[in-house]
Amino acid sequence: MNSPHLALLTIDMQNDVLRHIVPTGKAIVPAMRRALQACRASQIPVIHCLRLHRADGVDVEKFRVERFRNEPFLVRDTEGAQVIPELEVRSDEYLVGKARFSAFFQSDLQMILTRLGVSSLVICGVQTPNCVRCTVTDAIAYDYDVILLEDAIAAATPEVHKANLYDMEHMGAKIISVDSLVAILKGRDS
């Protein structure tokens, strides 16, 4: 965690996600805001990873095609695909589009992290068993140190959240609270 080569990843904190897919994610917004503010104050790069689909749904997972046909979601360049207003993206932050669970899969995330010299990732967002977990699994495979903000990640139920955090911790991720991150960053900046 003392690495100067740290970045914060936010996962899928988008209007459509919090309205229709993971409404429980609304509860973590205050914690995410604190994490964002702390990272911004410490000049840590922030990367917003966003689920984005084409209007015709050609890039939607097979198991979601029917749902997408009935009610398109996370369509590029729509209000539903935008980051929620409470987590407003700044001009010096990065947006990474993805069409699958992992933020690494067929995206430019790895290129950005390499160029920034990042070796440690702090991850928050939704949803614990899907996009968060797949991103964490790939990050570990790429030899990143991974820190999960347990109170800034959400799942459909507390039980699913807790079980997945347990698994990811045993894969090598470090689990901390937003308060712990803030304290560590304040100590680092002193």
C-alpha atoms as a PDB file:
ATOM      1  CA  MET A   1       0.000   0.000   0.000  1.00  0.00           C
ATOM      2  CA  ASN A   2       2.983   2.337   0.397  1.00  0.00           C
ATOM      3  CA  SER A   3       3.656   2.164  -3.319  1.00  0.00           C
ATOM      4  CA  PRO A   4       3.645   5.558  -5.018  1.00  0.00           C
ATOM      5  CA  HIS A   5       2.338   3.677  -8.055  1.00  0.00           C
ATOM      6  CA  LEU A   6      -1.271   3.401  -6.946  1.00  0.00           C
ATOM      7  CA  ALA A   7      -4.517   3.942  -8.893  1.00  0.00           C
ATOM      8  CA  LEU A   8      -8.181   3.909  -7.917  1.00  0.00           C
ATOM      9  CA  LEU A   9     -10.607   1.955 -10.110  1.00  0.00           C
ATOM     10  CA  THR A  10     -14.326   2.615  -9.861  1.00  0.00           C
ATOM     11  CA  ILE A  11     -16.438  -0.128 -11.391  1.00  0.00           C
ATOM     12  CA  ASP A  12     -19.803   0.412 -13.139  1.00  0.00           C
ATOM     13  CA  MET A  13     -21.124   3.294 -11.044  1.00  0.00           C
ATOM     14  CA  GLN A  14     -23.516   4.276 -13.815  1.00  0.00           C
ATOM     15  CA  ASN A  15     -27.091   5.510 -13.873  1.00  0.00           C
ATOM     16  CA  ASP A  16     -28.602   2.368 -15.454  1.00  0.00           C
ATOM     17  CA  VAL A  17     -26.655   0.058 -13.147  1.00  0.00           C
ATOM     18  CA  LEU A  18     -27.866   1.709  -9.953  1.00  0.00           C
ATOM     19  CA  ARG A  19     -31.420   2.101 -11.247  1.00  0.00           C
ATOM     20  CA  HIS A  20     -32.021  -1.350 -12.722  1.00  0.00           C
ATOM     21  CA  ILE A  21     -29.184  -3.821 -12.202  1.00  0.00           C
ATOM     22  CA  VAL A  22     -27.676  -3.289  -8.722  1.00  0.00           C
ATOM     23  CA  PRO A  23     -29.903  -0.813  -6.857  1.00  0.00           C
ATOM     24  CA  THR A  24     -28.158  -1.781  -3.601  1.00  0.00           C
ATOM     25  CA  GLY A  25     -25.142   0.074  -5.002  1.00  0.00           C
ATOM     26  CA  LYS A  26     -26.731   3.381  -4.017  1.00  0.00           C
ATOM     27  CA  ALA A  27     -25.784   2.655  -0.405  1.00  0.00           C
ATOM     28  CA  ILE A  28     -22.035   2.781  -1.134  1.00  0.00           C
ATOM     29  CA  VAL A  29     -22.054   6.167  -2.879  1.00  0.00           C
ATOM     30  CA  PRO A  30     -21.058   8.192   0.246  1.00  0.00           C
ATOM     31  CA  ALA A  31     -18.123   5.851   0.930  1.00  0.00           C
ATOM     32  CA  MET A  32     -17.045   6.010  -2.711  1.00  0.00           C
ATOM     33  CA  ARG A  33     -17.164   9.803  -2.630  1.00  0.00           C
ATOM     34  CA  ARG A  34     -14.819   9.784   0.391  1.00  0.00           C
ATOM     35  CA  ALA A  35     -12.443   7.385  -1.358  1.00  0.00           C
ATOM     36  CA  LEU A  36     -12.471   9.536  -4.512  1.00  0.00           C
ATOM     37  CA  GLN A  37     -11.839  12.717  -2.544  1.00  0.00           C
ATOM     38  CA  ALA A  38      -8.934  11.125  -0.660  1.00  0.00           C
ATOM     39  CA  CYS A  39      -7.330   9.779  -3.842  1.00  0.00           C
ATOM     40  CA  ARG A  40      -7.808  13.067  -5.670  1.00  0.00           C
ATOM     41  CA  ALA A  41      -6.255  14.989  -2.761  1.00  0.00           C
ATOM     42  CA  SER A  42      -3.279  12.588  -2.844  1.00  0.00           C
ATOM     43  CA  GLN A  43      -2.961  12.933  -6.637  1.00  0.00           C
ATOM     44  CA  ILE A  44      -3.636   9.257  -7.187  1.00  0.00           C
ATOM     45  CA  PRO A  45      -4.900   8.483 -10.705  1.00  0.00           C
ATOM     46  CA  VAL A  46      -8.609   7.674 -10.899  1.00  0.00           C
ATOM     47  CA  ILE A  47      -9.939   5.364 -13.586  1.00  0.00           C
ATOM     48  CA  HIS A  48     -13.681   4.955 -14.053  1.00  0.00           C
ATOM     49  CA  CYS A  49     -14.463   1.589 -15.639  1.00  0.00           C
ATOM     50  CA  LEU A  50     -17.802   1.679 -17.440  1.00  0.00           C
ATOM     51  CA  ARG A  51     -20.004  -0.992 -18.945  1.00  0.00           C
ATOM     52  CA  LEU A  52     -20.918   0.276 -22.423  1.00  0.00           C
ATOM     53  CA  HIS A  53     -22.947  -1.401 -25.145  1.00  0.00           C
ATOM     54  CA  ARG A  54     -23.756  -0.637 -28.750  1.00  0.00           C
ATOM     55  CA  ALA A  55     -27.343   0.394 -29.462  1.00  0.00           C
ATOM     56  CA  ASP A  56     -28.082  -2.839 -31.354  1.00  0.00           C
ATOM     57  CA  GLY A  57     -26.841  -4.992 -28.442  1.00  0.00           C
ATOM     58  CA  VAL A  58     -24.388  -6.975 -30.556  1.00  0.00           C
ATOM     59  CA  ASP A  59     -21.849  -6.804 -27.709  1.00  0.00           C
ATOM     60  CA  VAL A  60     -24.187  -7.814 -24.845  1.00  0.00           C
ATOM     61  CA  GLU A  61     -23.494 -11.160 -23.118  1.00  0.00           C
ATOM     62  CA  LYS A  62     -25.615 -14.021 -24.427  1.00  0.00           C
ATOM     63  CA  PHE A  63     -27.512 -14.412 -21.165  1.00  0.00           C
ATOM     64  CA  ARG A  64     -28.587 -10.736 -21.250  1.00  0.00           C
ATOM     65  CA  VAL A  65     -29.581 -10.431 -24.930  1.00  0.00           C
ATOM     66  CA  GLU A  66     -33.318 -10.938 -24.371  1.00  0.00           C
ATOM     67  CA  ARG A  67     -33.366  -8.449 -21.509  1.00  0.00           C
ATOM     68  CA  PHE A  68     -31.482  -5.925 -23.642  1.00  0.00           C
ATOM     69  CA  ARG A  69     -33.940  -6.353 -26.530  1.00  0.00           C
ATOM     70  CA  ASN A  70     -36.839  -5.581 -24.198  1.00  0.00           C
ATOM     71  CA  GLU A  71     -35.172  -2.674 -22.451  1.00  0.00           C
ATOM     72  CA  PRO A  72     -31.735  -1.531 -23.699  1.00  0.00           C
ATOM     73  CA  PHE A  73     -29.313  -0.572 -20.938  1.00  0.00           C
ATOM     74  CA  LEU A  74     -25.875   1.007 -20.705  1.00  0.00           C
ATOM     75  CA  VAL A  75     -25.980   2.113 -24.320  1.00  0.00           C
ATOM     76  CA  ARG A  76     -22.990   4.256 -25.295  1.00  0.00           C
ATOM     77  CA  ASP A  77     -23.586   8.002 -25.284  1.00  0.00           C
ATOM     78  CA  THR A  78     -26.850   7.805 -23.326  1.00  0.00           C
ATOM     79  CA  GLU A  79     -27.690   9.232 -19.914  1.00  0.00           C
ATOM     80  CA  GLY A  80     -28.065   5.695 -18.568  1.00  0.00           C
ATOM     81  CA  ALA A  81     -24.445   4.877 -19.374  1.00  0.00           C
ATOM     82  CA  GLN A  82     -23.036   7.961 -17.644  1.00  0.00           C
ATOM     83  CA  VAL A  83     -21.323   7.883 -14.252  1.00  0.00           C
ATOM     84  CA  ILE A  84     -23.785   8.887 -11.537  1.00  0.00           C
ATOM     85  CA  PRO A  85     -23.707  12.636 -10.795  1.00  0.00           C
ATOM     86  CA  GLU A  86     -22.549  12.092  -7.190  1.00  0.00           C
ATOM     87  CA  LEU A  87     -19.248  10.675  -8.509  1.00  0.00           C
ATOM     88  CA  GLU A  88     -18.678  13.323 -11.164  1.00  0.00           C
ATOM     89  CA  VAL A  89     -15.752  12.483 -13.421  1.00  0.00           C
ATOM     90  CA  ARG A  90     -13.046  15.132 -13.572  1.00  0.00           C
ATOM     91  CA  SER A  91     -11.234  16.065 -16.762  1.00  0.00           C
ATOM     92  CA  ASP A  92      -7.934  14.652 -15.465  1.00  0.00           C
ATOM     93  CA  GLU A  93      -9.453  11.207 -14.818  1.00  0.00           C
ATOM     94  CA  TYR A  94      -9.675   8.254 -17.175  1.00  0.00           C
ATOM     95  CA  LEU A  95     -12.714   6.482 -18.603  1.00  0.00           C
ATOM     96  CA  VAL A  96     -12.331   2.858 -19.680  1.00  0.00           C
ATOM     97  CA  GLY A  97     -15.175   1.267 -21.600  1.00  0.00           C
ATOM     98  CA  LYS A  98     -15.846  -2.438 -21.339  1.00  0.00           C
ATOM     99  CA  ALA A  99     -18.504  -4.796 -22.647  1.00  0.00           C
ATOM    100  CA  ARG A 100     -17.895  -7.673 -20.239  1.00  0.00           C
ATOM    101  CA  PHE A 101     -17.414  -8.204 -16.504  1.00  0.00           C
ATOM    102  CA  SER A 102     -13.656  -7.626 -16.291  1.00  0.00           C
ATOM    103  CA  ALA A 103     -12.376  -4.098 -16.852  1.00  0.00           C
ATOM    104  CA  PHE A 104      -9.279  -5.690 -18.395  1.00  0.00           C
ATOM    105  CA  PHE A 105     -11.097  -7.764 -21.048  1.00  0.00           C
ATOM    106  CA  GLN A 106     -10.660  -6.189 -24.496  1.00  0.00           C
ATOM    107  CA  SER A 107     -10.176  -2.692 -23.069  1.00  0.00           C
ATOM    108  CA  ASP A 108      -7.269  -0.267 -22.852  1.00  0.00           C
ATOM    109  CA  LEU A 109      -7.029  -0.499 -19.040  1.00  0.00           C
ATOM    110  CA  GLN A 110      -3.765  -2.466 -19.035  1.00  0.00           C
ATOM    111  CA  MET A 111      -2.149   0.034 -21.425  1.00  0.00           C
ATOM    112  CA  ILE A 112      -3.178   2.981 -19.220  1.00  0.00           C
ATOM    113  CA  LEU A 113      -1.927   1.300 -16.037  1.00  0.00           C
ATOM    114  CA  THR A 114       1.393   0.427 -17.689  1.00  0.00           C
ATOM    115  CA  ARG A 115       1.895   3.977 -18.978  1.00  0.00           C
ATOM    116  CA  LEU A 116       1.078   5.396 -15.526  1.00  0.00           C
ATOM    117  CA  GLY A 117       3.515   2.984 -13.859  1.00  0.00           C
ATOM    118  CA  VAL A 118       0.800   1.553 -11.615  1.00  0.00           C
ATOM    119  CA  SER A 119       1.559  -1.551  -9.553  1.00  0.00           C
ATOM    120  CA  SER A 120      -1.244  -1.378  -6.956  1.00  0.00           C
ATOM    121  CA  LEU A 121      -4.979  -0.992  -7.505  1.00  0.00           C
ATOM    122  CA  VAL A 122      -7.636   0.191  -5.088  1.00  0.00           C
ATOM    123  CA  ILE A 123     -10.977  -1.103  -6.341  1.00  0.00           C
ATOM    124  CA  CYS A 124     -14.533  -0.074  -5.519  1.00  0.00           C
ATOM    125  CA  GLY A 125     -17.950  -0.186  -7.188  1.00  0.00           C
ATOM    126  CA  VAL A 126     -20.454  -2.850  -8.220  1.00  0.00           C
ATOM    127  CA  GLN A 127     -21.149  -5.665  -8.291  1.00  0.00           C
ATOM    128  CA  THR A 128     -19.016  -7.774  -5.956  1.00  0.00           C
ATOM    129  CA  PRO A 129     -19.473 -11.229  -7.593  1.00  0.00           C
ATOM    130  CA  ASN A 130     -19.385 -10.080 -11.207  1.00  0.00           C
ATOM    131  CA  CYS A 131     -17.541  -7.026 -12.501  1.00  0.00           C
ATOM    132  CA  VAL A 132     -15.584  -6.383  -9.309  1.00  0.00           C
ATOM    133  CA  ARG A 133     -14.536 -10.005  -8.891  1.00  0.00           C
ATOM    134  CA  CYS A 134     -13.611 -10.530 -12.552  1.00  0.00           C
ATOM    135  CA  THR A 135     -11.558  -7.329 -12.562  1.00  0.00           C
ATOM    136  CA  VAL A 136      -9.819  -8.393  -9.346  1.00  0.00           C
ATOM    137  CA  THR A 137      -9.079 -11.859 -10.733  1.00  0.00           C
ATOM    138  CA  ASP A 138      -7.505 -10.385 -13.855  1.00  0.00           C
ATOM    139  CA  ALA A 139      -5.588  -7.774 -11.845  1.00  0.00           C
ATOM    140  CA  ILE A 140      -4.094 -10.512  -9.690  1.00  0.00           C
ATOM    141  CA  ALA A 141      -3.231 -12.500 -12.826  1.00  0.00           C
ATOM    142  CA  TYR A 142      -1.368  -9.418 -14.113  1.00  0.00           C
ATOM    143  CA  ASP A 143       0.539  -9.241 -10.784  1.00  0.00           C
ATOM    144  CA  TYR A 144      -1.064  -6.082  -9.430  1.00  0.00           C
ATOM    145  CA  ASP A 145      -1.379  -5.670  -5.697  1.00  0.00           C
ATOM    146  CA  VAL A 146      -5.128  -5.358  -5.131  1.00  0.00           C
ATOM    147  CA  ILE A 147      -6.845  -3.480  -2.329  1.00  0.00           C
ATOM    148  CA  LEU A 148     -10.633  -3.771  -2.039  1.00  0.00           C
ATOM    149  CA  LEU A 149     -12.658  -1.131  -0.210  1.00  0.00           C
ATOM    150  CA  GLU A 150     -15.157  -3.398   1.532  1.00  0.00           C
ATOM    151  CA  ASP A 151     -17.606  -0.597   2.359  1.00  0.00           C
ATOM    152  CA  ALA A 152     -17.406   0.911  -1.143  1.00  0.00           C
ATOM    153  CA  ILE A 153     -18.336  -2.290  -2.989  1.00  0.00           C
ATOM    154  CA  ALA A 154     -21.853  -3.707  -3.224  1.00  0.00           C
ATOM    155  CA  ALA A 155     -23.710  -6.821  -4.312  1.00  0.00           C
ATOM    156  CA  ALA A 156     -27.365  -7.783  -4.537  1.00  0.00           C
ATOM    157  CA  THR A 157     -27.241  -9.152  -0.977  1.00  0.00           C
ATOM    158  CA  PRO A 158     -24.869  -8.774   1.996  1.00  0.00           C
ATOM    159  CA  GLU A 159     -24.310 -12.555   1.985  1.00  0.00           C
ATOM    160  CA  VAL A 160     -23.137 -12.600  -1.639  1.00  0.00           C
ATOM    161  CA  HIS A 161     -20.916  -9.578  -0.962  1.00  0.00           C
ATOM    162  CA  LYS A 162     -19.303 -11.139   2.108  1.00  0.00           C
ATOM    163  CA  ALA A 163     -18.734 -14.541   0.450  1.00  0.00           C
ATOM    164  CA  ASN A 164     -17.059 -12.960  -2.572  1.00  0.00           C
ATOM    165  CA  LEU A 165     -14.844 -10.695  -0.446  1.00  0.00           C
ATOM    166  CA  TYR A 166     -13.780 -13.806   1.483  1.00  0.00           C
ATOM    167  CA  ASP A 167     -12.855 -15.575  -1.778  1.00  0.00           C
ATOM    168  CA  MET A 168     -10.979 -12.579  -3.192  1.00  0.00           C
ATOM    169  CA  GLU A 169      -9.048 -12.122   0.039  1.00  0.00           C
ATOM    170  CA  HIS A 170      -7.931 -15.741  -0.225  1.00  0.00           C
ATOM    171  CA  MET A 171      -6.844 -15.100  -3.826  1.00  0.00           C
ATOM    172  CA  GLY A 172      -4.504 -12.371  -2.564  1.00  0.00           C
ATOM    173  CA  ALA A 173      -6.555  -9.175  -2.409  1.00  0.00           C
ATOM    174  CA  LYS A 174      -6.262  -7.007   0.683  1.00  0.00           C
ATOM    175  CA  ILE A 175      -9.584  -5.942   2.204  1.00  0.00           C
ATOM    176  CA  ILE A 176      -9.781  -2.570   3.974  1.00  0.00           C
ATOM    177  CA  SER A 177     -12.350   0.123   4.741  1.00  0.00           C
ATOM    178  CA  VAL A 178     -12.539   3.565   3.178  1.00  0.00           C
ATOM    179  CA  ASP A 179     -11.576   5.036   6.578  1.00  0.00           C
ATOM    180  CA  SER A 180      -8.406   2.925   6.519  1.00  0.00           C
ATOM    181  CA  LEU A 181      -7.581   4.113   2.999  1.00  0.00           C
ATOM    182  CA  VAL A 182      -8.085   7.742   4.022  1.00  0.00           C
ATOM    183  CA  ALA A 183      -5.828   7.296   7.069  1.00  0.00           C
ATOM    184  CA  ILE A 184      -3.126   5.582   5.017  1.00  0.00           C
ATOM    185  CA  LEU A 185      -3.190   8.304   2.382  1.00  0.00           C
ATOM    186  CA  LYS A 186      -3.060  11.081   5.002  1.00  0.00           C
ATOM    187  CA  GLY A 187      -0.038   9.376   6.591  1.00  0.00           C
ATOM    188  CA  ARG A 188       1.601   8.980   3.210  1.00  0.00           C
ATOM    189  CA  ASP A 189       1.080  12.643   2.355  1.00  0.00           C
ATOM    190  CA  SER A 190       2.505  13.876   5.686  1.00  0.00           C
END
